[in-house]
Amino acid sequence: VAVAAMGGTGVGNATTAEDQQFEDAVTALEIPTTPDQDIPAVGHKICDWLTVGLASDINPVPTVRGVVNRLENAGMTKKQSVGLMRAAVAVYCPQNARFIGR
């Protein structure tokens, strides 16, 4: 299960409109999950990776590629990885949107 490999465990129910928006994106991307997974925690983790990486490197490309590679290594396709990263940014860390492209 791709999201399970990301460490998102816990309550799988959205508690905010933002969480629901992110969970809907995960569903639309057809990323496998289980009911006990904390899907929003995965989105927050992606934002943490981006924020830390972007703070330490003036070139955003290696950071963005690194996040996509981590997601692919967790069992997602490239399309799912990019989509999940974009969804996380759109919902939880829109300040990073300018770094991930279109």
PDB file of N, CA and C in Angstrom:
ATOM      1  N   VAL A   1       0.850  -1.170   0.000  1.00  0.00           N
ATOM      2  CA  VAL A   1       0.000   0.000   0.000  1.00  0.00           C
ATOM      3  C   VAL A   1       0.891   1.226   0.000  1.00  0.00           C
ATOM      4  N   ALA A   2       0.746   2.052  -1.001  1.00  0.00           N
ATOM      5  CA  ALA A   2       1.654   3.172  -1.223  1.00  0.00           C
ATOM      6  C   ALA A   2       1.656   4.179  -0.083  1.00  0.00           C
ATOM      7  N   VAL A   3       0.502   4.604   0.375  1.00  0.00           N
ATOM      8  CA  VAL A   3       0.471   5.612   1.427  1.00  0.00           C
ATOM      9  C   VAL A   3       0.964   5.028   2.739  1.00  0.00           C
ATOM     10  N   ALA A   4       0.734   3.748   2.975  1.00  0.00           N
ATOM     11  CA  ALA A   4       1.237   3.117   4.194  1.00  0.00           C
ATOM     12  C   ALA A   4       2.757   3.183   4.255  1.00  0.00           C
ATOM     13  N   ALA A   5       3.402   3.066   3.118  1.00  0.00           N
ATOM     14  CA  ALA A   5       4.854   3.133   3.079  1.00  0.00           C
ATOM     15  C   ALA A   5       5.362   4.528   3.439  1.00  0.00           C
ATOM     16  N   MET A   6       4.479   5.518   3.390  1.00  0.00           N
ATOM     17  CA  MET A   6       4.854   6.890   3.726  1.00  0.00           C
ATOM     18  C   MET A   6       4.773   7.147   5.220  1.00  0.00           C
ATOM     19  N   GLY A   7       4.255   6.189   5.977  1.00  0.00           N
ATOM     20  CA  GLY A   7       4.166   6.373   7.419  1.00  0.00           C
ATOM     21  C   GLY A   7       2.890   7.040   7.879  1.00  0.00           C
ATOM     22  N   GLY A   8       1.916   7.156   7.037  1.00  0.00           N
ATOM     23  CA  GLY A   8       0.660   7.794   7.423  1.00  0.00           C
ATOM     24  C   GLY A   8      -0.269   6.804   8.087  1.00  0.00           C
ATOM     25  N   THR A   9      -0.137   6.641   9.384  1.00  0.00           N
ATOM     26  CA  THR A   9      -1.017   5.729  10.104  1.00  0.00           C
ATOM     27  C   THR A   9      -1.807   6.510  11.127  1.00  0.00           C
ATOM     28  N   GLY A  10      -2.925   6.002  11.506  1.00  0.00           N
ATOM     29  CA  GLY A  10      -3.769   6.676  12.469  1.00  0.00           C
ATOM     30  C   GLY A  10      -5.163   6.813  11.913  1.00  0.00           C
ATOM     31  N   VAL A  11      -5.871   7.804  12.372  1.00  0.00           N
ATOM     32  CA  VAL A  11      -7.248   8.002  11.963  1.00  0.00           C
ATOM     33  C   VAL A  11      -7.307   8.400  10.498  1.00  0.00           C
ATOM     34  N   GLY A  12      -8.086   7.685   9.714  1.00  0.00           N
ATOM     35  CA  GLY A  12      -8.172   7.948   8.287  1.00  0.00           C
ATOM     36  C   GLY A  12      -9.271   8.900   7.883  1.00  0.00           C
ATOM     37  N   ASN A  13      -9.968   9.452   8.833  1.00  0.00           N
ATOM     38  CA  ASN A  13     -11.079  10.340   8.495  1.00  0.00           C
ATOM     39  C   ASN A  13     -10.634  11.791   8.496  1.00  0.00           C
ATOM     40  N   ALA A  14     -11.061  12.516   7.500  1.00  0.00           N
ATOM     41  CA  ALA A  14     -10.735  13.936   7.406  1.00  0.00           C
ATOM     42  C   ALA A  14     -11.418  14.686   8.541  1.00  0.00           C
ATOM     43  N   THR A  15     -10.702  15.651   9.107  1.00  0.00           N
ATOM     44  CA  THR A  15     -11.277  16.442  10.185  1.00  0.00           C
ATOM     45  C   THR A  15     -11.529  17.886   9.767  1.00  0.00           C
ATOM     46  N   THR A  16     -10.965  18.315   8.660  1.00  0.00           N
ATOM     47  CA  THR A  16     -11.164  19.674   8.164  1.00  0.00           C
ATOM     48  C   THR A  16     -11.505  19.613   6.683  1.00  0.00           C
ATOM     49  N   ALA A  17     -11.965  20.727   6.157  1.00  0.00           N
ATOM     50  CA  ALA A  17     -12.259  20.797   4.724  1.00  0.00           C
ATOM     51  C   ALA A  17     -10.990  20.553   3.916  1.00  0.00           C
ATOM     52  N   GLU A  18      -9.862  21.066   4.414  1.00  0.00           N
ATOM     53  CA  GLU A  18      -8.588  20.860   3.719  1.00  0.00           C
ATOM     54  C   GLU A  18      -8.214  19.383   3.695  1.00  0.00           C
ATOM     55  N   ASP A  19      -8.394  18.709   4.842  1.00  0.00           N
ATOM     56  CA  ASP A  19      -8.091  17.277   4.901  1.00  0.00           C
ATOM     57  C   ASP A  19      -8.963  16.507   3.913  1.00  0.00           C
ATOM     58  N   GLN A  20     -10.234  16.868   3.842  1.00  0.00           N
ATOM     59  CA  GLN A  20     -11.139  16.190   2.918  1.00  0.00           C
ATOM     60  C   GLN A  20     -10.715  16.435   1.474  1.00  0.00           C
ATOM     61  N   GLN A  21     -10.297  17.651   1.180  1.00  0.00           N
ATOM     62  CA  GLN A  21      -9.829  17.980  -0.169  1.00  0.00           C
ATOM     63  C   GLN A  21      -8.610  17.126  -0.525  1.00  0.00           C
ATOM     64  N   PHE A  22      -7.700  16.953   0.429  1.00  0.00           N
ATOM     65  CA  PHE A  22      -6.511  16.145   0.170  1.00  0.00           C
ATOM     66  C   PHE A  22      -6.884  14.670   0.011  1.00  0.00           C
ATOM     67  N   GLU A  23      -7.750  14.173   0.879  1.00  0.00           N
ATOM     68  CA  GLU A  23      -8.182  12.773   0.761  1.00  0.00           C
ATOM     69  C   GLU A  23      -8.888  12.529  -0.567  1.00  0.00           C
ATOM     70  N   ASP A  24      -9.672  13.490  -1.020  1.00  0.00           N
ATOM     71  CA  ASP A  24     -10.337  13.366  -2.322  1.00  0.00           C
ATOM     72  C   ASP A  24      -9.307  13.285  -3.450  1.00  0.00           C
ATOM     73  N   ALA A  25      -8.230  14.056  -3.333  1.00  0.00           N
ATOM     74  CA  ALA A  25      -7.169  14.014  -4.348  1.00  0.00           C
ATOM     75  C   ALA A  25      -6.485  12.652  -4.356  1.00  0.00           C
ATOM     76  N   VAL A  26      -6.240  12.093  -3.179  1.00  0.00           N
ATOM     77  CA  VAL A  26      -5.627  10.768  -3.088  1.00  0.00           C
ATOM     78  C   VAL A  26      -6.523   9.735  -3.761  1.00  0.00           C
ATOM     79  N   THR A  27      -7.813   9.817  -3.522  1.00  0.00           N
ATOM     80  CA  THR A  27      -8.768   8.909  -4.151  1.00  0.00           C
ATOM     81  C   THR A  27      -8.763   9.082  -5.666  1.00  0.00           C
ATOM     82  N   ALA A  28      -8.778  10.322  -6.126  1.00  0.00           N
ATOM     83  CA  ALA A  28      -8.789  10.598  -7.563  1.00  0.00           C
ATOM     84  C   ALA A  28      -7.525  10.088  -8.253  1.00  0.00           C
ATOM     85  N   LEU A  29      -6.403  10.108  -7.528  1.00  0.00           N
ATOM     86  CA  LEU A  29      -5.135   9.617  -8.076  1.00  0.00           C
ATOM     87  C   LEU A  29      -5.026   8.090  -8.023  1.00  0.00           C
ATOM     88  N   GLU A  30      -6.040   7.449  -7.421  1.00  0.00           N
ATOM     89  CA  GLU A  30      -6.094   5.985  -7.293  1.00  0.00           C
ATOM     90  C   GLU A  30      -4.885   5.440  -6.538  1.00  0.00           C
ATOM     91  N   ILE A  31      -4.516   6.140  -5.465  1.00  0.00           N
ATOM     92  CA  ILE A  31      -3.425   5.689  -4.603  1.00  0.00           C
ATOM     93  C   ILE A  31      -4.044   4.803  -3.524  1.00  0.00           C
ATOM     94  N   PRO A  32      -3.586   3.553  -3.417  1.00  0.00           N
ATOM     95  CA  PRO A  32      -4.172   2.641  -2.433  1.00  0.00           C
ATOM     96  C   PRO A  32      -3.948   3.105  -0.995  1.00  0.00           C
ATOM     97  N   THR A  33      -4.982   2.994  -0.190  1.00  0.00           N
ATOM     98  CA  THR A  33      -4.906   3.329   1.232  1.00  0.00           C
ATOM     99  C   THR A  33      -5.683   2.279   2.021  1.00  0.00           C
ATOM    100  N   THR A  34      -5.564   2.352   3.324  1.00  0.00           N
ATOM    101  CA  THR A  34      -6.378   1.509   4.200  1.00  0.00           C
ATOM    102  C   THR A  34      -7.146   2.425   5.142  1.00  0.00           C
ATOM    103  N   PRO A  35      -8.244   1.945   5.725  1.00  0.00           N
ATOM    104  CA  PRO A  35      -9.095   2.803   6.556  1.00  0.00           C
ATOM    105  C   PRO A  35      -8.396   3.416   7.773  1.00  0.00           C
ATOM    106  N   ASP A  36      -7.357   2.777   8.272  1.00  0.00           N
ATOM    107  CA  ASP A  36      -6.702   3.286   9.478  1.00  0.00           C
ATOM    108  C   ASP A  36      -5.572   4.275   9.197  1.00  0.00           C
ATOM    109  N   GLN A  37      -5.392   4.648   7.945  1.00  0.00           N
ATOM    110  CA  GLN A  37      -4.303   5.556   7.598  1.00  0.00           C
ATOM    111  C   GLN A  37      -4.692   7.015   7.794  1.00  0.00           C
ATOM    112  N   ASP A  38      -3.747   7.786   8.287  1.00  0.00           N
ATOM    113  CA  ASP A  38      -3.933   9.226   8.453  1.00  0.00           C
ATOM    114  C   ASP A  38      -3.431   9.891   7.177  1.00  0.00           C
ATOM    115  N   ILE A  39      -4.286   9.978   6.198  1.00  0.00           N
ATOM    116  CA  ILE A  39      -3.923  10.509   4.888  1.00  0.00           C
ATOM    117  C   ILE A  39      -3.430  11.958   4.989  1.00  0.00           C
ATOM    118  N   PRO A  40      -4.108  12.818   5.751  1.00  0.00           N
ATOM    119  CA  PRO A  40      -3.608  14.180   5.871  1.00  0.00           C
ATOM    120  C   PRO A  40      -2.179  14.261   6.402  1.00  0.00           C
ATOM    121  N   ALA A  41      -1.791  13.334   7.280  1.00  0.00           N
ATOM    122  CA  ALA A  41      -0.420  13.340   7.805  1.00  0.00           C
ATOM    123  C   ALA A  41       0.593  13.150   6.686  1.00  0.00           C
ATOM    124  N   VAL A  42       0.227  12.376   5.672  1.00  0.00           N
ATOM    125  CA  VAL A  42       1.108  12.181   4.520  1.00  0.00           C
ATOM    126  C   VAL A  42       1.284  13.503   3.780  1.00  0.00           C
ATOM    127  N   GLY A  43       0.196  14.224   3.587  1.00  0.00           N
ATOM    128  CA  GLY A  43       0.281  15.526   2.931  1.00  0.00           C
ATOM    129  C   GLY A  43       1.160  16.493   3.700  1.00  0.00           C
ATOM    130  N   HIS A  44       1.018  16.493   5.007  1.00  0.00           N
ATOM    131  CA  HIS A  44       1.855  17.367   5.840  1.00  0.00           C
ATOM    132  C   HIS A  44       3.326  16.956   5.766  1.00  0.00           C
ATOM    133  N   LYS A  45       3.567  15.656   5.702  1.00  0.00           N
ATOM    134  CA  LYS A  45       4.948  15.170   5.607  1.00  0.00           C
ATOM    135  C   LYS A  45       5.586  15.631   4.288  1.00  0.00           C
ATOM    136  N   ILE A  46       4.833  15.560   3.211  1.00  0.00           N
ATOM    137  CA  ILE A  46       5.333  16.025   1.916  1.00  0.00           C
ATOM    138  C   ILE A  46       5.697  17.506   2.005  1.00  0.00           C
ATOM    139  N   CYS A  47       4.840  18.292   2.626  1.00  0.00           N
ATOM    140  CA  CYS A  47       5.127  19.718   2.785  1.00  0.00           C
ATOM    141  C   CYS A  47       6.361  19.940   3.654  1.00  0.00           C
ATOM    142  N   ASP A  48       6.515  19.138   4.693  1.00  0.00           N
ATOM    143  CA  ASP A  48       7.711  19.251   5.536  1.00  0.00           C
ATOM    144  C   ASP A  48       8.970  18.982   4.724  1.00  0.00           C
ATOM    145  N   TRP A  49       8.939  17.920   3.905  1.00  0.00           N
ATOM    146  CA  TRP A  49      10.108  17.611   3.066  1.00  0.00           C
ATOM    147  C   TRP A  49      10.438  18.787   2.151  1.00  0.00           C
ATOM    148  N   LEU A  50       9.409  19.351   1.528  1.00  0.00           N
ATOM    149  CA  LEU A  50       9.631  20.475   0.624  1.00  0.00           C
ATOM    150  C   LEU A  50      10.166  21.695   1.370  1.00  0.00           C
ATOM    151  N   THR A  51       9.563  22.016   2.495  1.00  0.00           N
ATOM    152  CA  THR A  51       9.962  23.202   3.246  1.00  0.00           C
ATOM    153  C   THR A  51      11.403  23.104   3.723  1.00  0.00           C
ATOM    154  N   VAL A  52      11.776  21.964   4.266  1.00  0.00           N
ATOM    155  CA  VAL A  52      13.152  21.763   4.736  1.00  0.00           C
ATOM    156  C   VAL A  52      14.128  21.802   3.563  1.00  0.00           C
ATOM    157  N   GLY A  53      13.809  21.093   2.505  1.00  0.00           N
ATOM    158  CA  GLY A  53      14.692  21.053   1.347  1.00  0.00           C
ATOM    159  C   GLY A  53      14.859  22.402   0.679  1.00  0.00           C
ATOM    160  N   LEU A  54      13.766  23.129   0.550  1.00  0.00           N
ATOM    161  CA  LEU A  54      13.821  24.431  -0.112  1.00  0.00           C
ATOM    162  C   LEU A  54      14.543  25.471   0.739  1.00  0.00           C
ATOM    163  N   ALA A  55      14.524  25.294   2.044  1.00  0.00           N
ATOM    164  CA  ALA A  55      15.219  26.230   2.936  1.00  0.00           C
ATOM    165  C   ALA A  55      16.732  26.059   2.856  1.00  0.00           C
ATOM    166  N   SER A  56      17.177  24.878   2.472  1.00  0.00           N
ATOM    167  CA  SER A  56      18.611  24.608   2.475  1.00  0.00           C
ATOM    168  C   SER A  56      19.247  24.624   1.086  1.00  0.00           C
ATOM    169  N   ASP A  57      18.451  24.869   0.042  1.00  0.00           N
ATOM    170  CA  ASP A  57      18.994  24.840  -1.320  1.00  0.00           C
ATOM    171  C   ASP A  57      18.290  25.910  -2.154  1.00  0.00           C
ATOM    172  N   ILE A  58      19.065  26.812  -2.745  1.00  0.00           N
ATOM    173  CA  ILE A  58      18.448  27.874  -3.548  1.00  0.00           C
ATOM    174  C   ILE A  58      17.867  27.350  -4.855  1.00  0.00           C
ATOM    175  N   ASN A  59      18.300  26.168  -5.271  1.00  0.00           N
ATOM    176  CA  ASN A  59      17.777  25.544  -6.485  1.00  0.00           C
ATOM    177  C   ASN A  59      16.678  24.556  -6.072  1.00  0.00           C
ATOM    178  N   PRO A  60      15.419  24.812  -6.429  1.00  0.00           N
ATOM    179  CA  PRO A  60      14.334  23.933  -5.987  1.00  0.00           C
ATOM    180  C   PRO A  60      14.266  22.585  -6.705  1.00  0.00           C
ATOM    181  N   VAL A  61      14.920  22.466  -7.846  1.00  0.00           N
ATOM    182  CA  VAL A  61      14.781  21.250  -8.651  1.00  0.00           C
ATOM    183  C   VAL A  61      15.197  19.988  -7.888  1.00  0.00           C
ATOM    184  N   PRO A  62      16.362  19.943  -7.229  1.00  0.00           N
ATOM    185  CA  PRO A  62      16.728  18.719  -6.511  1.00  0.00           C
ATOM    186  C   PRO A  62      15.752  18.365  -5.396  1.00  0.00           C
ATOM    187  N   THR A  63      15.215  19.366  -4.730  1.00  0.00           N
ATOM    188  CA  THR A  63      14.258  19.102  -3.656  1.00  0.00           C
ATOM    189  C   THR A  63      12.976  18.501  -4.211  1.00  0.00           C
ATOM    190  N   VAL A  64      12.448  19.096  -5.261  1.00  0.00           N
ATOM    191  CA  VAL A  64      11.209  18.589  -5.862  1.00  0.00           C
ATOM    192  C   VAL A  64      11.423  17.179  -6.405  1.00  0.00           C
ATOM    193  N   ARG A  65      12.525  16.969  -7.096  1.00  0.00           N
ATOM    194  CA  ARG A  65      12.824  15.619  -7.601  1.00  0.00           C
ATOM    195  C   ARG A  65      12.968  14.626  -6.455  1.00  0.00           C
ATOM    196  N   GLY A  66      13.592  15.072  -5.374  1.00  0.00           N
ATOM    197  CA  GLY A  66      13.766  14.197  -4.216  1.00  0.00           C
ATOM    198  C   GLY A  66      12.446  13.759  -3.617  1.00  0.00           C
ATOM    199  N   VAL A  67      11.499  14.680  -3.535  1.00  0.00           N
ATOM    200  CA  VAL A  67      10.179  14.333  -3.002  1.00  0.00           C
ATOM    201  C   VAL A  67       9.482  13.347  -3.938  1.00  0.00           C
ATOM    202  N   VAL A  68       9.522  13.616  -5.234  1.00  0.00           N
ATOM    203  CA  VAL A  68       8.893  12.707  -6.199  1.00  0.00           C
ATOM    204  C   VAL A  68       9.552  11.329  -6.121  1.00  0.00           C
ATOM    205  N   ASN A  69      10.866  11.280  -6.017  1.00  0.00           N
ATOM    206  CA  ASN A  69      11.568   9.994  -5.905  1.00  0.00           C
ATOM    207  C   ASN A  69      11.173   9.246  -4.640  1.00  0.00           C
ATOM    208  N   ARG A  70      11.047   9.953  -3.520  1.00  0.00           N
ATOM    209  CA  ARG A  70      10.615   9.302  -2.279  1.00  0.00           C
ATOM    210  C   ARG A  70       9.238   8.661  -2.455  1.00  0.00           C
ATOM    211  N   LEU A  71       8.353   9.393  -3.095  1.00  0.00           N
ATOM    212  CA  LEU A  71       7.000   8.874  -3.298  1.00  0.00           C
ATOM    213  C   LEU A  71       7.005   7.682  -4.249  1.00  0.00           C
ATOM    214  N   GLU A  72       7.809   7.756  -5.296  1.00  0.00           N
ATOM    215  CA  GLU A  72       7.926   6.616  -6.217  1.00  0.00           C
ATOM    216  C   GLU A  72       8.517   5.409  -5.500  1.00  0.00           C
ATOM    217  N   ASN A  73       9.492   5.634  -4.639  1.00  0.00           N
ATOM    218  CA  ASN A  73      10.097   4.532  -3.887  1.00  0.00           C
ATOM    219  C   ASN A  73       9.113   3.912  -2.898  1.00  0.00           C
ATOM    220  N   ALA A  74       8.068   4.656  -2.558  1.00  0.00           N
ATOM    221  CA  ALA A  74       7.029   4.138  -1.674  1.00  0.00           C
ATOM    222  C   ALA A  74       5.995   3.312  -2.443  1.00  0.00           C
ATOM    223  N   GLY A  75       6.176   3.204  -3.775  1.00  0.00           N
ATOM    224  CA  GLY A  75       5.309   2.337  -4.563  1.00  0.00           C
ATOM    225  C   GLY A  75       4.325   3.045  -5.474  1.00  0.00           C
ATOM    226  N   MET A  76       4.450   4.347  -5.595  1.00  0.00           N
ATOM    227  CA  MET A  76       3.541   5.081  -6.470  1.00  0.00           C
ATOM    228  C   MET A  76       4.144   5.236  -7.858  1.00  0.00           C
ATOM    229  N   THR A  77       3.274   5.423  -8.823  1.00  0.00           N
ATOM    230  CA  THR A  77       3.750   5.736 -10.168  1.00  0.00           C
ATOM    231  C   THR A  77       4.245   7.183 -10.167  1.00  0.00           C
ATOM    232  N   LYS A  78       4.952   7.558 -11.214  1.00  0.00           N
ATOM    233  CA  LYS A  78       5.408   8.946 -11.319  1.00  0.00           C
ATOM    234  C   LYS A  78       4.207   9.900 -11.339  1.00  0.00           C
ATOM    235  N   LYS A  79       3.176   9.540 -12.098  1.00  0.00           N
ATOM    236  CA  LYS A  79       1.971  10.377 -12.175  1.00  0.00           C
ATOM    237  C   LYS A  79       1.342  10.544 -10.793  1.00  0.00           C
ATOM    238  N   GLN A  80       1.229   9.459 -10.043  1.00  0.00           N
ATOM    239  CA  GLN A  80       0.668   9.531  -8.699  1.00  0.00           C
ATOM    240  C   GLN A  80       1.557  10.372  -7.787  1.00  0.00           C
ATOM    241  N   SER A  81       2.868  10.187  -7.896  1.00  0.00           N
ATOM    242  CA  SER A  81       3.815  10.911  -7.043  1.00  0.00           C
ATOM    243  C   SER A  81       3.722  12.413  -7.273  1.00  0.00           C
ATOM    244  N   VAL A  82       3.743  12.805  -8.528  1.00  0.00           N
ATOM    245  CA  VAL A  82       3.656  14.227  -8.862  1.00  0.00           C
ATOM    246  C   VAL A  82       2.292  14.769  -8.440  1.00  0.00           C
ATOM    247  N   GLY A  83       1.245  14.021  -8.712  1.00  0.00           N
ATOM    248  CA  GLY A  83      -0.098  14.452  -8.336  1.00  0.00           C
ATOM    249  C   GLY A  83      -0.266  14.603  -6.837  1.00  0.00           C
ATOM    250  N   LEU A  84       0.286  13.664  -6.071  1.00  0.00           N
ATOM    251  CA  LEU A  84       0.185  13.723  -4.616  1.00  0.00           C
ATOM    252  C   LEU A  84       0.958  14.925  -4.079  1.00  0.00           C
ATOM    253  N   MET A  85       2.140  15.162  -4.622  1.00  0.00           N
ATOM    254  CA  MET A  85       2.927  16.316  -4.187  1.00  0.00           C
ATOM    255  C   MET A  85       2.168  17.605  -4.510  1.00  0.00           C
ATOM    256  N   ARG A  86       1.619  17.709  -5.702  1.00  0.00           N
ATOM    257  CA  ARG A  86       0.873  18.915  -6.085  1.00  0.00           C
ATOM    258  C   ARG A  86      -0.358  19.110  -5.205  1.00  0.00           C
ATOM    259  N   ALA A  87      -1.040  18.015  -4.891  1.00  0.00           N
ATOM    260  CA  ALA A  87      -2.217  18.110  -4.029  1.00  0.00           C
ATOM    261  C   ALA A  87      -1.824  18.572  -2.631  1.00  0.00           C
ATOM    262  N   ALA A  88      -0.744  18.018  -2.097  1.00  0.00           N
ATOM    263  CA  ALA A  88      -0.281  18.420  -0.765  1.00  0.00           C
ATOM    264  C   ALA A  88       0.064  19.901  -0.741  1.00  0.00           C
ATOM    265  N   VAL A  89       0.765  20.350  -1.772  1.00  0.00           N
ATOM    266  CA  VAL A  89       1.145  21.759  -1.847  1.00  0.00           C
ATOM    267  C   VAL A  89      -0.098  22.644  -1.963  1.00  0.00           C
ATOM    268  N   ALA A  90      -1.020  22.270  -2.825  1.00  0.00           N
ATOM    269  CA  ALA A  90      -2.227  23.081  -3.023  1.00  0.00           C
ATOM    270  C   ALA A  90      -3.034  23.207  -1.735  1.00  0.00           C
ATOM    271  N   VAL A  91      -3.088  22.137  -0.956  1.00  0.00           N
ATOM    272  CA  VAL A  91      -3.928  22.124   0.236  1.00  0.00           C
ATOM    273  C   VAL A  91      -3.194  22.626   1.478  1.00  0.00           C
ATOM    274  N   TYR A  92      -1.971  22.130   1.701  1.00  0.00           N
ATOM    275  CA  TYR A  92      -1.297  22.356   2.983  1.00  0.00           C
ATOM    276  C   TYR A  92      -0.141  23.354   2.959  1.00  0.00           C
ATOM    277  N   CYS A  93       0.476  23.574   1.829  1.00  0.00           N
ATOM    278  CA  CYS A  93       1.624  24.499   1.802  1.00  0.00           C
ATOM    279  C   CYS A  93       1.669  25.263   0.479  1.00  0.00           C
ATOM    280  N   PRO A  94       0.619  26.046   0.213  1.00  0.00           N
ATOM    281  CA  PRO A  94       0.558  26.760  -1.057  1.00  0.00           C
ATOM    282  C   PRO A  94       1.721  27.733  -1.279  1.00  0.00           C
ATOM    283  N   GLN A  95       2.413  28.099  -0.220  1.00  0.00           N
ATOM    284  CA  GLN A  95       3.574  28.973  -0.360  1.00  0.00           C
ATOM    285  C   GLN A  95       4.680  28.290  -1.175  1.00  0.00           C
ATOM    286  N   ASN A  96       4.622  26.986  -1.322  1.00  0.00           N
ATOM    287  CA  ASN A  96       5.629  26.248  -2.094  1.00  0.00           C
ATOM    288  C   ASN A  96       5.206  26.014  -3.550  1.00  0.00           C
ATOM    289  N   ALA A  97       4.035  26.480  -3.926  1.00  0.00           N
ATOM    290  CA  ALA A  97       3.519  26.204  -5.275  1.00  0.00           C
ATOM    291  C   ALA A  97       4.440  26.721  -6.367  1.00  0.00           C
ATOM    292  N   ARG A  98       5.084  27.833  -6.150  1.00  0.00           N
ATOM    293  CA  ARG A  98       5.942  28.409  -7.195  1.00  0.00           C
ATOM    294  C   ARG A  98       7.161  27.547  -7.483  1.00  0.00           C
ATOM    295  N   PHE A  99       7.491  26.610  -6.594  1.00  0.00           N
ATOM    296  CA  PHE A  99       8.668  25.779  -6.777  1.00  0.00           C
ATOM    297  C   PHE A  99       8.401  24.475  -7.518  1.00  0.00           C
ATOM    298  N   ILE A 100       7.127  24.074  -7.598  1.00  0.00           N
ATOM    299  CA  ILE A 100       6.860  22.744  -8.156  1.00  0.00           C
ATOM    300  C   ILE A 100       6.433  22.759  -9.612  1.00  0.00           C
ATOM    301  N   GLY A 101       6.327  23.918 -10.215  1.00  0.00           N
ATOM    302  CA  GLY A 101       5.957  23.969 -11.626  1.00  0.00           C
ATOM    303  C   GLY A 101       4.472  23.826 -11.817  1.00  0.00           C
ATOM    304  N   ARG A 102       4.108  23.585 -13.063  1.00  0.00           N
ATOM    305  CA  ARG A 102       2.676  23.528 -13.386  1.00  0.00           C
ATOM    306  C   ARG A 102       2.205  22.143 -13.568  1.00  0.00           C
TER     307      ARG A 102
END
